[in-house]
Amino acid sequence: AQIPTDGQWDDAELELMLFEFKAGLERYLARHDAPVKTLSQLIGY
């Protein structure tokens, strides 16, 4: 068998993860009252 679209999703997958990581992480940190609240603060740390 062969997946006809194999690997064609690679760039799109990275793009969606970059967007969703920032949004999801900051939501988690804020809801749980973590010591850092934003991705910018983590980069700074």
PDB file of all heavy atoms in Angstrom:
ATOM      1  N   ALA A   1       0.855  -1.194   0.000  1.00  0.00           N
ATOM      2  CA  ALA A   1       0.000   0.000   0.000  1.00  0.00           C
ATOM      3  C   ALA A   1       0.886   1.238   0.000  1.00  0.00           C
ATOM      4  O   ALA A   1       2.068   1.185   0.364  1.00  0.00           O
ATOM      5  CB  ALA A   1      -0.934   0.002   1.209  1.00  0.00           C
ATOM      6  N   GLN A   2       0.307   2.344  -0.393  1.00  0.00           N
ATOM      7  CA  GLN A   2       1.031   3.618  -0.422  1.00  0.00           C
ATOM      8  C   GLN A   2       0.065   4.745  -0.110  1.00  0.00           C
ATOM      9  O   GLN A   2      -0.999   4.848  -0.718  1.00  0.00           O
ATOM     10  CB  GLN A   2       1.672   3.852  -1.798  1.00  0.00           C
ATOM     11  CG  GLN A   2       2.402   5.164  -1.935  1.00  0.00           C
ATOM     12  CD  GLN A   2       3.637   5.259  -1.044  1.00  0.00           C
ATOM     13  OE1 GLN A   2       4.412   4.311  -0.969  1.00  0.00           O
ATOM     14  NE2 GLN A   2       3.812   6.379  -0.375  1.00  0.00           N
ATOM     15  N   ILE A   3       0.412   5.571   0.868  1.00  0.00           N
ATOM     16  CA  ILE A   3      -0.400   6.749   1.166  1.00  0.00           C
ATOM     17  C   ILE A   3      -0.105   7.793   0.082  1.00  0.00           C
ATOM     18  O   ILE A   3       1.032   8.270  -0.023  1.00  0.00           O
ATOM     19  CB  ILE A   3      -0.080   7.301   2.566  1.00  0.00           C
ATOM     20  CG1 ILE A   3      -0.471   6.270   3.628  1.00  0.00           C
ATOM     21  CG2 ILE A   3      -0.813   8.624   2.803  1.00  0.00           C
ATOM     22  CD1 ILE A   3      -0.101   6.665   5.040  1.00  0.00           C
ATOM     23  N   PRO A   4      -1.077   8.161  -0.721  1.00  0.00           N
ATOM     24  CA  PRO A   4      -0.792   9.016  -1.882  1.00  0.00           C
ATOM     25  C   PRO A   4      -0.301  10.414  -1.511  1.00  0.00           C
ATOM     26  O   PRO A   4       0.390  11.046  -2.312  1.00  0.00           O
ATOM     27  CB  PRO A   4      -2.139   9.075  -2.617  1.00  0.00           C
ATOM     28  CG  PRO A   4      -3.166   8.751  -1.580  1.00  0.00           C
ATOM     29  CD  PRO A   4      -2.508   7.791  -0.645  1.00  0.00           C
ATOM     30  N   THR A   5      -0.655  10.868  -0.331  1.00  0.00           N
ATOM     31  CA  THR A   5      -0.279  12.225   0.089  1.00  0.00           C
ATOM     32  C   THR A   5       0.899  12.238   1.045  1.00  0.00           C
ATOM     33  O   THR A   5       1.183  13.260   1.674  1.00  0.00           O
ATOM     34  CB  THR A   5      -1.480  12.883   0.782  1.00  0.00           C
ATOM     35  OG1 THR A   5      -1.904  12.024   1.866  1.00  0.00           O
ATOM     36  CG2 THR A   5      -2.641  13.084  -0.174  1.00  0.00           C
ATOM     37  N   ASP A   6       1.600  11.121   1.174  1.00  0.00           N
ATOM     38  CA  ASP A   6       2.637  10.963   2.201  1.00  0.00           C
ATOM     39  C   ASP A   6       3.627  12.127   2.213  1.00  0.00           C
ATOM     40  O   ASP A   6       4.237  12.445   1.189  1.00  0.00           O
ATOM     41  CB  ASP A   6       3.390   9.654   1.960  1.00  0.00           C
ATOM     42  CG  ASP A   6       4.344   9.318   3.097  1.00  0.00           C
ATOM     43  OD1 ASP A   6       4.079   9.727   4.240  1.00  0.00           O
ATOM     44  OD2 ASP A   6       5.348   8.631   2.833  1.00  0.00           O
ATOM     45  N   GLY A   7       3.763  12.766   3.357  1.00  0.00           N
ATOM     46  CA  GLY A   7       4.726  13.845   3.537  1.00  0.00           C
ATOM     47  C   GLY A   7       4.295  15.201   3.034  1.00  0.00           C
ATOM     48  O   GLY A   7       4.939  16.206   3.339  1.00  0.00           O
ATOM     49  N   GLN A   8       3.199  15.256   2.284  1.00  0.00           N
ATOM     50  CA  GLN A   8       2.756  16.540   1.734  1.00  0.00           C
ATOM     51  C   GLN A   8       2.222  17.480   2.814  1.00  0.00           C
ATOM     52  O   GLN A   8       2.050  18.670   2.572  1.00  0.00           O
ATOM     53  CB  GLN A   8       1.681  16.310   0.661  1.00  0.00           C
ATOM     54  CG  GLN A   8       2.175  15.571  -0.576  1.00  0.00           C
ATOM     55  CD  GLN A   8       1.067  15.304  -1.580  1.00  0.00           C
ATOM     56  OE1 GLN A   8       0.037  15.990  -1.592  1.00  0.00           O
ATOM     57  NE2 GLN A   8       1.253  14.291  -2.428  1.00  0.00           N
ATOM     58  N   TRP A   9       1.977  16.934   3.990  1.00  0.00           N
ATOM     59  CA  TRP A   9       1.432  17.742   5.089  1.00  0.00           C
ATOM     60  C   TRP A   9       2.513  18.352   5.982  1.00  0.00           C
ATOM     61  O   TRP A   9       2.203  19.069   6.924  1.00  0.00           O
ATOM     62  CB  TRP A   9       0.522  16.875   5.954  1.00  0.00           C
ATOM     63  CG  TRP A   9       1.203  15.614   6.434  1.00  0.00           C
ATOM     64  CD1 TRP A   9       2.170  15.489   7.393  1.00  0.00           C
ATOM     65  CD2 TRP A   9       0.979  14.300   5.928  1.00  0.00           C
ATOM     66  NE1 TRP A   9       2.564  14.186   7.534  1.00  0.00           N
ATOM     67  CE2 TRP A   9       1.846  13.427   6.645  1.00  0.00           C
ATOM     68  CE3 TRP A   9       0.135  13.760   4.973  1.00  0.00           C
ATOM     69  CZ2 TRP A   9       1.885  12.048   6.418  1.00  0.00           C
ATOM     70  CZ3 TRP A   9       0.186  12.389   4.744  1.00  0.00           C
ATOM     71  CH2 TRP A   9       1.033  11.551   5.451  1.00  0.00           C
ATOM     72  N   ASP A  10       3.777  18.089   5.744  1.00  0.00           N
ATOM     73  CA  ASP A  10       4.846  18.456   6.681  1.00  0.00           C
ATOM     74  C   ASP A  10       4.861  19.950   7.007  1.00  0.00           C
ATOM     75  O   ASP A  10       4.900  20.347   8.178  1.00  0.00           O
ATOM     76  CB  ASP A  10       6.212  18.027   6.138  1.00  0.00           C
ATOM     77  CG  ASP A  10       6.397  16.521   6.146  1.00  0.00           C
ATOM     78  OD1 ASP A  10       5.569  15.824   6.772  1.00  0.00           O
ATOM     79  OD2 ASP A  10       7.362  16.038   5.526  1.00  0.00           O
ATOM     80  N   ASP A  11       4.864  20.790   5.991  1.00  0.00           N
ATOM     81  CA  ASP A  11       4.934  22.238   6.233  1.00  0.00           C
ATOM     82  C   ASP A  11       3.685  22.733   6.951  1.00  0.00           C
ATOM     83  O   ASP A  11       3.770  23.564   7.865  1.00  0.00           O
ATOM     84  CB  ASP A  11       5.106  22.987   4.908  1.00  0.00           C
ATOM     85  CG  ASP A  11       6.469  22.765   4.280  1.00  0.00           C
ATOM     86  OD1 ASP A  11       7.393  22.300   4.993  1.00  0.00           O
ATOM     87  OD2 ASP A  11       6.621  23.036   3.078  1.00  0.00           O
ATOM     88  N   ALA A  12       2.540  22.234   6.542  1.00  0.00           N
ATOM     89  CA  ALA A  12       1.296  22.656   7.180  1.00  0.00           C
ATOM     90  C   ALA A  12       1.247  22.205   8.639  1.00  0.00           C
ATOM     91  O   ALA A  12       0.756  22.934   9.516  1.00  0.00           O
ATOM     92  CB  ALA A  12       0.099  22.102   6.419  1.00  0.00           C
ATOM     93  N   GLU A  13       1.756  20.999   8.919  1.00  0.00           N
ATOM     94  CA  GLU A  13       1.772  20.502  10.298  1.00  0.00           C
ATOM     95  C   GLU A  13       2.595  21.421  11.195  1.00  0.00           C
ATOM     96  O   GLU A  13       2.167  21.780  12.303  1.00  0.00           O
ATOM     97  CB  GLU A  13       2.335  19.091  10.356  1.00  0.00           C
ATOM     98  CG  GLU A  13       2.380  18.538  11.785  1.00  0.00           C
ATOM     99  CD  GLU A  13       3.219  17.293  11.927  1.00  0.00           C
ATOM    100  OE1 GLU A  13       4.043  17.013  11.030  1.00  0.00           O
ATOM    101  OE2 GLU A  13       3.072  16.601  12.954  1.00  0.00           O
ATOM    102  N   LEU A  14       3.787  21.804  10.752  1.00  0.00           N
ATOM    103  CA  LEU A  14       4.625  22.694  11.562  1.00  0.00           C
ATOM    104  C   LEU A  14       3.928  24.027  11.788  1.00  0.00           C
ATOM    105  O   LEU A  14       3.939  24.567  12.903  1.00  0.00           O
ATOM    106  CB  LEU A  14       5.977  22.907  10.888  1.00  0.00           C
ATOM    107  CG  LEU A  14       6.917  23.896  11.603  1.00  0.00           C
ATOM    108  CD1 LEU A  14       7.204  23.450  13.034  1.00  0.00           C
ATOM    109  CD2 LEU A  14       8.214  24.074  10.818  1.00  0.00           C
ATOM    110  N   GLU A  15       3.305  24.555  10.753  1.00  0.00           N
ATOM    111  CA  GLU A  15       2.625  25.844  10.879  1.00  0.00           C
ATOM    112  C   GLU A  15       1.505  25.771  11.923  1.00  0.00           C
ATOM    113  O   GLU A  15       1.393  26.633  12.793  1.00  0.00           O
ATOM    114  CB  GLU A  15       2.046  26.258   9.518  1.00  0.00           C
ATOM    115  CG  GLU A  15       1.406  27.637   9.498  1.00  0.00           C
ATOM    116  CD  GLU A  15       2.407  28.781   9.433  1.00  0.00           C
ATOM    117  OE1 GLU A  15       3.629  28.526   9.548  1.00  0.00           O
ATOM    118  OE2 GLU A  15       1.971  29.939   9.273  1.00  0.00           O
ATOM    119  N   LEU A  16       0.676  24.738  11.867  1.00  0.00           N
ATOM    120  CA  LEU A  16      -0.426  24.639  12.833  1.00  0.00           C
ATOM    121  C   LEU A  16       0.115  24.443  14.245  1.00  0.00           C
ATOM    122  O   LEU A  16      -0.441  24.975  15.215  1.00  0.00           O
ATOM    123  CB  LEU A  16      -1.405  23.539  12.438  1.00  0.00           C
ATOM    124  CG  LEU A  16      -1.119  22.072  12.747  1.00  0.00           C
ATOM    125  CD1 LEU A  16      -1.558  21.691  14.150  1.00  0.00           C
ATOM    126  CD2 LEU A  16      -1.835  21.162  11.745  1.00  0.00           C
ATOM    127  N   MET A  17       1.219  23.689  14.399  1.00  0.00           N
ATOM    128  CA  MET A  17       1.780  23.483  15.734  1.00  0.00           C
ATOM    129  C   MET A  17       2.340  24.778  16.308  1.00  0.00           C
ATOM    130  O   MET A  17       2.199  25.042  17.508  1.00  0.00           O
ATOM    131  CB  MET A  17       2.852  22.394  15.712  1.00  0.00           C
ATOM    132  CG  MET A  17       2.282  20.997  15.586  1.00  0.00           C
ATOM    133  SD  MET A  17       3.474  19.699  15.997  1.00  0.00           S
ATOM    134  CE  MET A  17       4.653  19.857  14.662  1.00  0.00           C
ATOM    135  N   LEU A  18       2.972  25.593  15.486  1.00  0.00           N
ATOM    136  CA  LEU A  18       3.508  26.860  15.975  1.00  0.00           C
ATOM    137  C   LEU A  18       2.388  27.754  16.497  1.00  0.00           C
ATOM    138  O   LEU A  18       2.510  28.381  17.558  1.00  0.00           O
ATOM    139  CB  LEU A  18       4.286  27.563  14.860  1.00  0.00           C
ATOM    140  CG  LEU A  18       5.605  26.903  14.440  1.00  0.00           C
ATOM    141  CD1 LEU A  18       6.139  27.550  13.173  1.00  0.00           C
ATOM    142  CD2 LEU A  18       6.648  26.980  15.555  1.00  0.00           C
ATOM    143  N   PHE A  19       1.295  27.827  15.761  1.00  0.00           N
ATOM    144  CA  PHE A  19       0.148  28.634  16.207  1.00  0.00           C
ATOM    145  C   PHE A  19      -0.480  28.045  17.475  1.00  0.00           C
ATOM    146  O   PHE A  19      -0.734  28.752  18.449  1.00  0.00           O
ATOM    147  CB  PHE A  19      -0.906  28.708  15.100  1.00  0.00           C
ATOM    148  CG  PHE A  19      -0.688  29.819  14.113  1.00  0.00           C
ATOM    149  CD1 PHE A  19      -0.042  29.584  12.904  1.00  0.00           C
ATOM    150  CD2 PHE A  19      -1.152  31.099  14.378  1.00  0.00           C
ATOM    151  CE1 PHE A  19       0.142  30.604  11.975  1.00  0.00           C
ATOM    152  CE2 PHE A  19      -0.976  32.132  13.457  1.00  0.00           C
ATOM    153  CZ  PHE A  19      -0.322  31.886  12.258  1.00  0.00           C
ATOM    154  N   GLU A  20      -0.742  26.740  17.450  1.00  0.00           N
ATOM    155  CA  GLU A  20      -1.470  26.122  18.549  1.00  0.00           C
ATOM    156  C   GLU A  20      -0.635  26.030  19.815  1.00  0.00           C
ATOM    157  O   GLU A  20      -1.184  26.083  20.928  1.00  0.00           O
ATOM    158  CB  GLU A  20      -1.974  24.739  18.130  1.00  0.00           C
ATOM    159  CG  GLU A  20      -3.055  24.816  17.060  1.00  0.00           C
ATOM    160  CD  GLU A  20      -3.642  23.473  16.683  1.00  0.00           C
ATOM    161  OE1 GLU A  20      -3.148  22.439  17.185  1.00  0.00           O
ATOM    162  OE2 GLU A  20      -4.600  23.445  15.881  1.00  0.00           O
ATOM    163  N   PHE A  21       0.674  25.907  19.670  1.00  0.00           N
ATOM    164  CA  PHE A  21       1.532  25.850  20.855  1.00  0.00           C
ATOM    165  C   PHE A  21       1.438  27.128  21.665  1.00  0.00           C
ATOM    166  O   PHE A  21       1.211  27.103  22.878  1.00  0.00           O
ATOM    167  CB  PHE A  21       2.982  25.590  20.447  1.00  0.00           C
ATOM    168  CG  PHE A  21       3.940  25.578  21.616  1.00  0.00           C
ATOM    169  CD1 PHE A  21       3.893  24.558  22.551  1.00  0.00           C
ATOM    170  CD2 PHE A  21       4.862  26.595  21.773  1.00  0.00           C
ATOM    171  CE1 PHE A  21       4.768  24.543  23.636  1.00  0.00           C
ATOM    172  CE2 PHE A  21       5.736  26.594  22.856  1.00  0.00           C
ATOM    173  CZ  PHE A  21       5.694  25.564  23.787  1.00  0.00           C
ATOM    174  N   LYS A  22       1.605  28.242  20.992  1.00  0.00           N
ATOM    175  CA  LYS A  22       1.547  29.515  21.722  1.00  0.00           C
ATOM    176  C   LYS A  22       0.191  29.703  22.393  1.00  0.00           C
ATOM    177  O   LYS A  22       0.109  30.018  23.594  1.00  0.00           O
ATOM    178  CB  LYS A  22       1.827  30.680  20.775  1.00  0.00           C
ATOM    179  CG  LYS A  22       1.781  32.045  21.459  1.00  0.00           C
ATOM    180  CD  LYS A  22       2.031  33.178  20.472  1.00  0.00           C
ATOM    181  CE  LYS A  22       1.970  34.541  21.160  1.00  0.00           C
ATOM    182  NZ  LYS A  22       2.167  35.645  20.196  1.00  0.00           N
ATOM    183  N   ALA A  23      -0.884  29.482  21.651  1.00  0.00           N
ATOM    184  CA  ALA A  23      -2.228  29.705  22.199  1.00  0.00           C
ATOM    185  C   ALA A  23      -2.530  28.734  23.331  1.00  0.00           C
ATOM    186  O   ALA A  23      -3.033  29.126  24.397  1.00  0.00           O
ATOM    187  CB  ALA A  23      -3.269  29.569  21.093  1.00  0.00           C
ATOM    188  N   GLY A  24      -2.231  27.467  23.118  1.00  0.00           N
ATOM    189  CA  GLY A  24      -2.549  26.457  24.117  1.00  0.00           C
ATOM    190  C   GLY A  24      -1.698  26.565  25.366  1.00  0.00           C
ATOM    191  O   GLY A  24      -2.198  26.412  26.490  1.00  0.00           O
ATOM    192  N   LEU A  25      -0.405  26.827  25.191  1.00  0.00           N
ATOM    193  CA  LEU A  25       0.482  26.944  26.349  1.00  0.00           C
ATOM    194  C   LEU A  25       0.089  28.130  27.217  1.00  0.00           C
ATOM    195  O   LEU A  25       0.008  28.005  28.455  1.00  0.00           O
ATOM    196  CB  LEU A  25       1.927  27.079  25.879  1.00  0.00           C
ATOM    197  CG  LEU A  25       2.958  27.260  27.004  1.00  0.00           C
ATOM    198  CD1 LEU A  25       2.998  26.027  27.891  1.00  0.00           C
ATOM    199  CD2 LEU A  25       4.331  27.555  26.425  1.00  0.00           C
ATOM    200  N   GLU A  26      -0.154  29.275  26.595  1.00  0.00           N
ATOM    201  CA  GLU A  26      -0.492  30.458  27.390  1.00  0.00           C
ATOM    202  C   GLU A  26      -1.837  30.270  28.096  1.00  0.00           C
ATOM    203  O   GLU A  26      -2.021  30.751  29.225  1.00  0.00           O
ATOM    204  CB  GLU A  26      -0.476  31.694  26.506  1.00  0.00           C
ATOM    205  CG  GLU A  26       0.936  32.040  26.046  1.00  0.00           C
ATOM    206  CD  GLU A  26       1.037  33.350  25.283  1.00  0.00           C
ATOM    207  OE1 GLU A  26      -0.017  33.880  24.869  1.00  0.00           O
ATOM    208  OE2 GLU A  26       2.175  33.843  25.109  1.00  0.00           O
ATOM    209  N   ARG A  27      -2.750  29.563  27.480  1.00  0.00           N
ATOM    210  CA  ARG A  27      -4.022  29.264  28.143  1.00  0.00           C
ATOM    211  C   ARG A  27      -3.784  28.371  29.358  1.00  0.00           C
ATOM    212  O   ARG A  27      -4.344  28.611  30.439  1.00  0.00           O
ATOM    213  CB  ARG A  27      -4.977  28.581  27.163  1.00  0.00           C
ATOM    214  CG  ARG A  27      -6.339  28.223  27.759  1.00  0.00           C
ATOM    215  CD  ARG A  27      -7.250  27.694  26.660  1.00  0.00           C
ATOM    216  NE  ARG A  27      -8.581  27.369  27.163  1.00  0.00           N
ATOM    217  CZ  ARG A  27      -8.945  26.148  27.572  1.00  0.00           C
ATOM    218  NH1 ARG A  27      -8.061  25.148  27.530  1.00  0.00           N
ATOM    219  NH2 ARG A  27     -10.170  25.927  28.020  1.00  0.00           N
ATOM    220  N   TYR A  28      -2.955  27.332  29.197  1.00  0.00           N
ATOM    221  CA  TYR A  28      -2.653  26.441  30.321  1.00  0.00           C
ATOM    222  C   TYR A  28      -1.986  27.203  31.462  1.00  0.00           C
ATOM    223  O   TYR A  28      -2.376  27.078  32.627  1.00  0.00           O
ATOM    224  CB  TYR A  28      -1.747  25.295  29.855  1.00  0.00           C
ATOM    225  CG  TYR A  28      -1.246  24.434  31.004  1.00  0.00           C
ATOM    226  CD1 TYR A  28      -1.953  23.299  31.409  1.00  0.00           C
ATOM    227  CD2 TYR A  28      -0.090  24.772  31.706  1.00  0.00           C
ATOM    228  CE1 TYR A  28      -1.518  22.530  32.472  1.00  0.00           C
ATOM    229  CE2 TYR A  28       0.354  24.005  32.777  1.00  0.00           C
ATOM    230  CZ  TYR A  28      -0.362  22.893  33.153  1.00  0.00           C
ATOM    231  OH  TYR A  28       0.072  22.135  34.231  1.00  0.00           O
ATOM    232  N   LEU A  29      -0.961  27.997  31.156  1.00  0.00           N
ATOM    233  CA  LEU A  29      -0.210  28.719  32.188  1.00  0.00           C
ATOM    234  C   LEU A  29      -1.110  29.688  32.951  1.00  0.00           C
ATOM    235  O   LEU A  29      -1.011  29.808  34.188  1.00  0.00           O
ATOM    236  CB  LEU A  29       0.960  29.463  31.556  1.00  0.00           C
ATOM    237  CG  LEU A  29       2.051  28.594  30.908  1.00  0.00           C
ATOM    238  CD1 LEU A  29       3.042  29.469  30.152  1.00  0.00           C
ATOM    239  CD2 LEU A  29       2.764  27.745  31.950  1.00  0.00           C
ATOM    240  N   ALA A  30      -1.994  30.380  32.235  1.00  0.00           N
ATOM    241  CA  ALA A  30      -2.879  31.343  32.885  1.00  0.00           C
ATOM    242  C   ALA A  30      -3.911  30.644  33.761  1.00  0.00           C
ATOM    243  O   ALA A  30      -4.156  31.044  34.904  1.00  0.00           O
ATOM    244  CB  ALA A  30      -3.569  32.209  31.834  1.00  0.00           C
ATOM    245  N   ARG A  31      -4.524  29.586  33.237  1.00  0.00           N
ATOM    246  CA  ARG A  31      -5.575  28.885  33.990  1.00  0.00           C
ATOM    247  C   ARG A  31      -5.034  28.224  35.244  1.00  0.00           C
ATOM    248  O   ARG A  31      -5.757  28.070  36.243  1.00  0.00           O
ATOM    249  CB  ARG A  31      -6.230  27.816  33.108  1.00  0.00           C
ATOM    250  CG  ARG A  31      -7.131  28.360  32.015  1.00  0.00           C
ATOM    251  CD  ARG A  31      -7.805  27.232  31.279  1.00  0.00           C
ATOM    252  NE  ARG A  31      -8.659  26.444  32.167  1.00  0.00           N
ATOM    253  CZ  ARG A  31      -9.078  25.205  31.908  1.00  0.00           C
ATOM    254  NH1 ARG A  31      -8.694  24.607  30.794  1.00  0.00           N
ATOM    255  NH2 ARG A  31      -9.861  24.570  32.744  1.00  0.00           N
ATOM    256  N   HIS A  32      -3.770  27.815  35.227  1.00  0.00           N
ATOM    257  CA  HIS A  32      -3.184  27.110  36.366  1.00  0.00           C
ATOM    258  C   HIS A  32      -2.360  28.019  37.269  1.00  0.00           C
ATOM    259  O   HIS A  32      -1.697  27.543  38.191  1.00  0.00           O
ATOM    260  CB  HIS A  32      -2.327  25.944  35.864  1.00  0.00           C
ATOM    261  CG  HIS A  32      -3.118  24.816  35.284  1.00  0.00           C
ATOM    262  ND1 HIS A  32      -3.707  24.886  34.038  1.00  0.00           N
ATOM    263  CD2 HIS A  32      -3.437  23.596  35.790  1.00  0.00           C
ATOM    264  CE1 HIS A  32      -4.342  23.747  33.792  1.00  0.00           C
ATOM    265  NE2 HIS A  32      -4.189  22.960  34.830  1.00  0.00           N
ATOM    266  N   ASP A  33      -2.403  29.336  36.981  1.00  0.00           N
ATOM    267  CA  ASP A  33      -1.664  30.300  37.792  1.00  0.00           C
ATOM    268  C   ASP A  33      -0.199  29.900  37.947  1.00  0.00           C
ATOM    269  O   ASP A  33       0.371  29.893  39.037  1.00  0.00           O
ATOM    270  CB  ASP A  33      -2.318  30.449  39.171  1.00  0.00           C
ATOM    271  CG  ASP A  33      -1.826  31.688  39.904  1.00  0.00           C
ATOM    272  OD1 ASP A  33      -1.403  32.640  39.224  1.00  0.00           O
ATOM    273  OD2 ASP A  33      -1.851  31.700  41.149  1.00  0.00           O
ATOM    274  N   ALA A  34       0.416  29.557  36.819  1.00  0.00           N
ATOM    275  CA  ALA A  34       1.828  29.168  36.809  1.00  0.00           C
ATOM    276  C   ALA A  34       2.716  30.388  37.056  1.00  0.00           C
ATOM    277  O   ALA A  34       2.286  31.539  36.862  1.00  0.00           O
ATOM    278  CB  ALA A  34       2.172  28.540  35.456  1.00  0.00           C
ATOM    279  N   PRO A  35       3.951  30.187  37.476  1.00  0.00           N
ATOM    280  CA  PRO A  35       4.844  31.321  37.772  1.00  0.00           C
ATOM    281  C   PRO A  35       5.221  32.144  36.544  1.00  0.00           C
ATOM    282  O   PRO A  35       5.654  33.279  36.680  1.00  0.00           O
ATOM    283  CB  PRO A  35       6.075  30.656  38.397  1.00  0.00           C
ATOM    284  CG  PRO A  35       6.007  29.226  37.983  1.00  0.00           C
ATOM    285  CD  PRO A  35       4.564  28.897  37.844  1.00  0.00           C
ATOM    286  N   VAL A  36       5.109  31.572  35.360  1.00  0.00           N
ATOM    287  CA  VAL A  36       5.240  32.335  34.117  1.00  0.00           C
ATOM    288  C   VAL A  36       3.923  32.198  33.366  1.00  0.00           C
ATOM    289  O   VAL A  36       3.256  31.168  33.440  1.00  0.00           O
ATOM    290  CB  VAL A  36       6.410  31.836  33.247  1.00  0.00           C
ATOM    291  CG1 VAL A  36       7.743  32.210  33.862  1.00  0.00           C
ATOM    292  CG2 VAL A  36       6.339  30.327  33.032  1.00  0.00           C
ATOM    293  N   LYS A  37       3.537  33.240  32.648  1.00  0.00           N
ATOM    294  CA  LYS A  37       2.202  33.260  32.039  1.00  0.00           C
ATOM    295  C   LYS A  37       2.221  33.294  30.520  1.00  0.00           C
ATOM    296  O   LYS A  37       1.205  33.020  29.891  1.00  0.00           O
ATOM    297  CB  LYS A  37       1.423  34.490  32.551  1.00  0.00           C
ATOM    298  CG  LYS A  37       1.219  34.532  34.061  1.00  0.00           C
ATOM    299  CD  LYS A  37       0.303  33.413  34.536  1.00  0.00           C
ATOM    300  CE  LYS A  37      -0.161  33.611  35.980  1.00  0.00           C
ATOM    301  NZ  LYS A  37       0.944  33.598  36.947  1.00  0.00           N
ATOM    302  N   THR A  38       3.344  33.664  29.925  1.00  0.00           N
ATOM    303  CA  THR A  38       3.376  33.824  28.474  1.00  0.00           C
ATOM    304  C   THR A  38       4.612  33.164  27.888  1.00  0.00           C
ATOM    305  O   THR A  38       5.611  32.915  28.577  1.00  0.00           O
ATOM    306  CB  THR A  38       3.389  35.307  28.075  1.00  0.00           C
ATOM    307  OG1 THR A  38       4.636  35.894  28.479  1.00  0.00           O
ATOM    308  CG2 THR A  38       2.221  36.056  28.707  1.00  0.00           C
ATOM    309  N   LEU A  39       4.532  32.892  26.592  1.00  0.00           N
ATOM    310  CA  LEU A  39       5.678  32.338  25.881  1.00  0.00           C
ATOM    311  C   LEU A  39       6.825  33.337  25.876  1.00  0.00           C
ATOM    312  O   LEU A  39       8.001  32.952  25.983  1.00  0.00           O
ATOM    313  CB  LEU A  39       5.272  31.956  24.460  1.00  0.00           C
ATOM    314  CG  LEU A  39       6.321  31.261  23.591  1.00  0.00           C
ATOM    315  CD1 LEU A  39       6.930  30.053  24.288  1.00  0.00           C
ATOM    316  CD2 LEU A  39       5.705  30.869  22.249  1.00  0.00           C
ATOM    317  N   SER A  40       6.524  34.630  25.782  1.00  0.00           N
ATOM    318  CA  SER A  40       7.575  35.648  25.842  1.00  0.00           C
ATOM    319  C   SER A  40       8.342  35.579  27.157  1.00  0.00           C
ATOM    320  O   SER A  40       9.570  35.718  27.181  1.00  0.00           O
ATOM    321  CB  SER A  40       6.969  37.043  25.671  1.00  0.00           C
ATOM    322  OG  SER A  40       6.474  37.220  24.363  1.00  0.00           O
ATOM    323  N   GLN A  41       7.620  35.358  28.254  1.00  0.00           N
ATOM    324  CA  GLN A  41       8.282  35.252  29.544  1.00  0.00           C
ATOM    325  C   GLN A  41       9.170  34.009  29.623  1.00  0.00           C
ATOM    326  O   GLN A  41      10.259  34.060  30.208  1.00  0.00           O
ATOM    327  CB  GLN A  41       7.238  35.232  30.668  1.00  0.00           C
ATOM    328  CG  GLN A  41       6.539  36.563  30.874  1.00  0.00           C
ATOM    329  CD  GLN A  41       5.412  36.472  31.891  1.00  0.00           C
ATOM    330  OE1 GLN A  41       5.053  35.391  32.356  1.00  0.00           O
ATOM    331  NE2 GLN A  41       4.839  37.622  32.237  1.00  0.00           N
ATOM    332  N   LEU A  42       8.735  32.922  29.025  1.00  0.00           N
ATOM    333  CA  LEU A  42       9.565  31.719  29.006  1.00  0.00           C
ATOM    334  C   LEU A  42      10.832  31.932  28.177  1.00  0.00           C
ATOM    335  O   LEU A  42      11.922  31.496  28.566  1.00  0.00           O
ATOM    336  CB  LEU A  42       8.770  30.544  28.446  1.00  0.00           C
ATOM    337  CG  LEU A  42       7.756  29.903  29.396  1.00  0.00           C
ATOM    338  CD1 LEU A  42       6.890  28.911  28.646  1.00  0.00           C
ATOM    339  CD2 LEU A  42       8.475  29.214  30.553  1.00  0.00           C
ATOM    340  N   ILE A  43      10.685  32.596  27.049  1.00  0.00           N
ATOM    341  CA  ILE A  43      11.858  32.912  26.226  1.00  0.00           C
ATOM    342  C   ILE A  43      12.829  33.769  27.023  1.00  0.00           C
ATOM    343  O   ILE A  43      14.045  33.534  27.020  1.00  0.00           O
ATOM    344  CB  ILE A  43      11.423  33.609  24.924  1.00  0.00           C
ATOM    345  CG1 ILE A  43      10.686  32.611  24.021  1.00  0.00           C
ATOM    346  CG2 ILE A  43      12.616  34.212  24.196  1.00  0.00           C
ATOM    347  CD1 ILE A  43      10.014  33.254  22.815  1.00  0.00           C
ATOM    348  N   GLY A  44      12.302  34.753  27.740  1.00  0.00           N
ATOM    349  CA  GLY A  44      13.137  35.603  28.564  1.00  0.00           C
ATOM    350  C   GLY A  44      13.818  34.832  29.685  1.00  0.00           C
ATOM    351  O   GLY A  44      14.994  35.071  30.001  1.00  0.00           O
ATOM    352  N   TYR A  45      13.096  33.891  30.289  1.00  0.00           N
ATOM    353  CA  TYR A  45      13.693  33.065  31.346  1.00  0.00           C
ATOM    354  C   TYR A  45      14.872  32.268  30.796  1.00  0.00           C
ATOM    355  O   TYR A  45      15.948  32.209  31.409  1.00  0.00           O
ATOM    356  CB  TYR A  45      12.640  32.116  31.920  1.00  0.00           C
ATOM    357  CG  TYR A  45      13.172  31.232  33.028  1.00  0.00           C
ATOM    358  CD1 TYR A  45      13.041  31.596  34.358  1.00  0.00           C
ATOM    359  CD2 TYR A  45      13.815  30.024  32.736  1.00  0.00           C
ATOM    360  CE1 TYR A  45      13.536  30.791  35.379  1.00  0.00           C
ATOM    361  CE2 TYR A  45      14.315  29.210  33.738  1.00  0.00           C
ATOM    362  CZ  TYR A  45      14.173  29.607  35.058  1.00  0.00           C
ATOM    363  OH  TYR A  45      14.679  28.811  36.058  1.00  0.00           O
TER     364      TYR A  45
END
